[in-house]
Amino acid sequence: MPDKKPKDIFIEGPVNPQFISDSIAQHSTKTSIGAHSIFLGQVRNDVINGNEVTAIDYTAYREMCLEKMQAIREEIFAKYPLTCMHIHHSLGKVKAGEISLFVFTSSAHRKAAIDSCEEVVERIKAELPVWGKEIFDDSSYQWKKNNIN
């Protein structure tokens, strides 16, 4: 599949809850699916050095991310018997309490859906060149350090 254009996983701003709901509803006609696994990454209002995180401003090396995500996608489909996989990651400002990552995997059986979803999330966090600038309540900021746990 070297000529296949990588799917664009990025959206501007937060992932809208209605979009998540609509994505789930669109799969009701796919009756060979027996399980869905969904991960929603939400921006936390951590307190760091006395300042509360009010938002994260996400940036990415887009071309490299999409190429790497395509490779991850192909490896996950080769490893698990999935019916489908959808990934949506925010770029730009996402406020505390809003969704910044939506991963949705589907399979005939739950184990493949659950295990693949978890692996995709871990690989996104570890391998994609996406950066988050944590914006604090006093307008200062720091670059987010990902905890892989």
Protein backbone atom coordinates (compact mmCIF):
# COMPACT_ATOMS: atom_id res chain seq x y z
CA MET A 1 0.00 0.00 0.00
CA PRO A 2 2.84 2.50 -0.57
CA ASP A 3 0.70 4.70 -2.86
CA LYS A 4 -2.14 4.96 -0.34
CA LYS A 5 -2.53 8.47 1.05
CA PRO A 6 -2.50 8.45 4.88
CA LYS A 7 -5.81 9.27 6.57
CA ASP A 8 -5.87 12.69 8.19
CA ILE A 9 -6.44 12.15 11.90
CA PHE A 10 -6.36 15.82 12.86
CA ILE A 11 -9.23 18.17 13.63
CA GLU A 12 -9.06 21.79 14.73
CA GLY A 13 -10.09 22.32 18.33
CA PRO A 14 -11.79 19.79 20.61
CA VAL A 15 -13.49 16.60 19.46
CA ASN A 16 -17.20 17.35 19.61
CA PRO A 17 -19.28 14.89 21.70
CA GLN A 18 -21.95 14.87 18.96
CA PHE A 19 -19.29 13.74 16.46
CA ILE A 20 -18.40 10.86 18.80
CA SER A 21 -22.06 9.89 19.15
CA ASP A 22 -22.63 10.09 15.39
CA SER A 23 -19.54 7.92 14.76
CA ILE A 24 -20.91 5.23 17.04
CA ALA A 25 -24.40 5.41 15.50
CA GLN A 26 -23.01 5.03 11.96
CA HIS A 27 -21.74 1.56 12.88
CA SER A 28 -25.18 0.13 13.70
CA THR A 29 -25.58 -1.06 10.10
CA LYS A 30 -22.31 -3.02 10.27
CA THR A 31 -23.86 -6.15 11.76
CA SER A 32 -20.67 -8.26 11.63
CA ILE A 33 -19.28 -6.08 14.43
CA GLY A 34 -19.76 -7.51 17.92
CA ALA A 35 -17.57 -5.13 19.90
CA HIS A 36 -16.39 -1.54 19.93
CA SER A 37 -13.70 -0.11 22.15
CA ILE A 38 -13.49 3.64 22.60
CA PHE A 39 -10.84 5.78 24.23
CA LEU A 40 -11.53 9.45 24.91
CA GLY A 41 -8.61 11.59 26.02
CA GLN A 42 -9.81 14.61 27.99
CA VAL A 43 -7.75 17.65 28.99
CA ARG A 44 -7.25 17.67 32.78
CA ASN A 45 -7.01 20.82 34.87
CA ASP A 46 -3.83 19.69 36.64
CA VAL A 47 -2.27 22.06 39.15
CA ILE A 48 1.43 22.48 38.47
CA ASN A 49 3.56 24.71 40.71
CA GLY A 50 0.38 26.36 41.99
CA ASN A 51 -1.03 27.12 38.54
CA GLU A 52 -4.08 25.38 37.11
CA VAL A 53 -4.05 24.09 33.52
CA THR A 54 -6.96 25.73 31.70
CA ALA A 55 -6.20 24.39 28.20
CA ILE A 56 -3.67 22.61 26.03
CA ASP A 57 -2.61 24.05 22.66
CA TYR A 58 -1.67 21.10 20.43
CA THR A 59 0.76 21.31 17.52
CA ALA A 60 2.18 18.57 15.34
CA TYR A 61 4.62 17.78 12.61
CA ARG A 62 1.62 16.89 10.48
CA GLU A 63 3.21 15.09 7.51
CA MET A 64 5.43 12.93 9.73
CA CYS A 65 2.49 12.19 12.07
CA LEU A 66 0.25 11.04 9.25
CA GLU A 67 2.94 8.80 7.75
CA LYS A 68 3.69 7.28 11.16
CA MET A 69 -0.01 6.86 11.95
CA GLN A 70 -0.52 5.06 8.63
CA ALA A 71 2.28 2.64 9.55
CA ILE A 72 0.76 2.10 13.01
CA ARG A 73 -2.67 1.55 11.43
CA GLU A 74 -1.30 -1.08 9.04
CA GLU A 75 0.56 -2.87 11.86
CA ILE A 76 -2.54 -2.90 14.09
CA PHE A 77 -4.74 -4.27 11.28
CA ALA A 78 -2.13 -6.97 10.61
CA LYS A 79 -2.01 -7.92 14.31
CA TYR A 80 -5.73 -7.84 15.22
CA PRO A 81 -8.85 -8.99 13.34
CA LEU A 82 -10.46 -5.53 13.23
CA THR A 83 -13.44 -4.43 11.22
CA CYS A 84 -12.51 -0.75 11.45
CA MET A 85 -10.44 1.83 13.31
CA HIS A 86 -11.02 5.58 13.60
CA ILE A 87 -8.61 8.08 15.15
CA HIS A 88 -9.20 11.80 15.68
CA HIS A 89 -6.65 14.03 17.43
CA SER A 90 -7.07 17.71 18.17
CA LEU A 91 -4.82 20.49 17.00
CA GLY A 92 -5.05 23.98 18.43
CA LYS A 93 -6.54 24.97 21.75
CA VAL A 94 -8.57 22.46 23.77
CA LYS A 95 -9.94 23.61 27.13
CA ALA A 96 -9.88 21.56 30.33
CA GLY A 97 -12.81 19.16 30.26
CA GLU A 98 -12.87 18.90 26.46
CA ILE A 99 -11.89 15.83 24.40
CA SER A 100 -8.58 15.95 22.51
CA LEU A 101 -8.22 12.31 21.38
CA PHE A 102 -10.87 9.88 20.12
CA VAL A 103 -9.81 6.33 19.25
CA PHE A 104 -12.52 3.90 18.13
CA THR A 105 -11.81 0.27 17.21
CA SER A 106 -14.32 -2.37 16.13
CA SER A 107 -14.14 -6.13 15.75
CA ALA A 108 -16.32 -9.22 15.76
CA HIS A 109 -15.10 -9.91 19.32
CA ARG A 110 -14.29 -7.72 22.34
CA LYS A 111 -10.71 -8.80 23.04
CA ALA A 112 -9.42 -7.62 19.66
CA ALA A 113 -11.36 -4.35 19.94
CA ILE A 114 -10.13 -3.63 23.48
CA ASP A 115 -6.50 -4.71 23.01
CA SER A 116 -6.08 -2.89 19.71
CA CYS A 117 -7.60 0.31 21.09
CA GLU A 118 -5.21 0.29 24.03
CA GLU A 119 -2.21 -0.37 21.79
CA VAL A 120 -3.17 2.41 19.38
CA VAL A 121 -3.48 4.93 22.23
CA GLU A 122 -0.12 3.92 23.73
CA ARG A 123 1.59 4.13 20.35
CA ILE A 124 0.09 7.54 19.57
CA LYS A 125 1.42 8.88 22.87
CA ALA A 126 4.86 7.30 22.40
CA GLU A 127 5.49 7.65 18.67
CA LEU A 128 3.67 10.61 17.10
CA PRO A 129 5.37 14.01 16.99
CA VAL A 130 2.50 15.89 18.66
CA TRP A 131 3.25 18.52 21.27
CA GLY A 132 0.98 20.10 23.84
CA LYS A 133 1.55 23.51 25.39
CA GLU A 134 -0.21 23.57 28.77
CA ILE A 135 -1.76 26.99 29.29
CA PHE A 136 -2.20 28.04 32.91
CA ASP A 137 -4.80 30.23 34.60
CA ASP A 138 -2.23 33.06 34.91
CA SER A 139 -1.59 32.94 31.09
CA SER A 140 1.85 31.36 31.54
CA TYR A 141 2.56 28.02 29.87
CA GLN A 142 4.87 25.03 29.72
CA TRP A 143 5.36 22.24 27.20
CA LYS A 144 3.57 19.10 28.34
CA LYS A 145 5.59 16.03 29.23
CA ASN A 146 3.75 12.82 28.31
CA ASN A 147 3.54 10.16 30.95
CA ILE A 148 3.32 6.87 29.12
CA ASN A 149 1.56 5.26 32.12
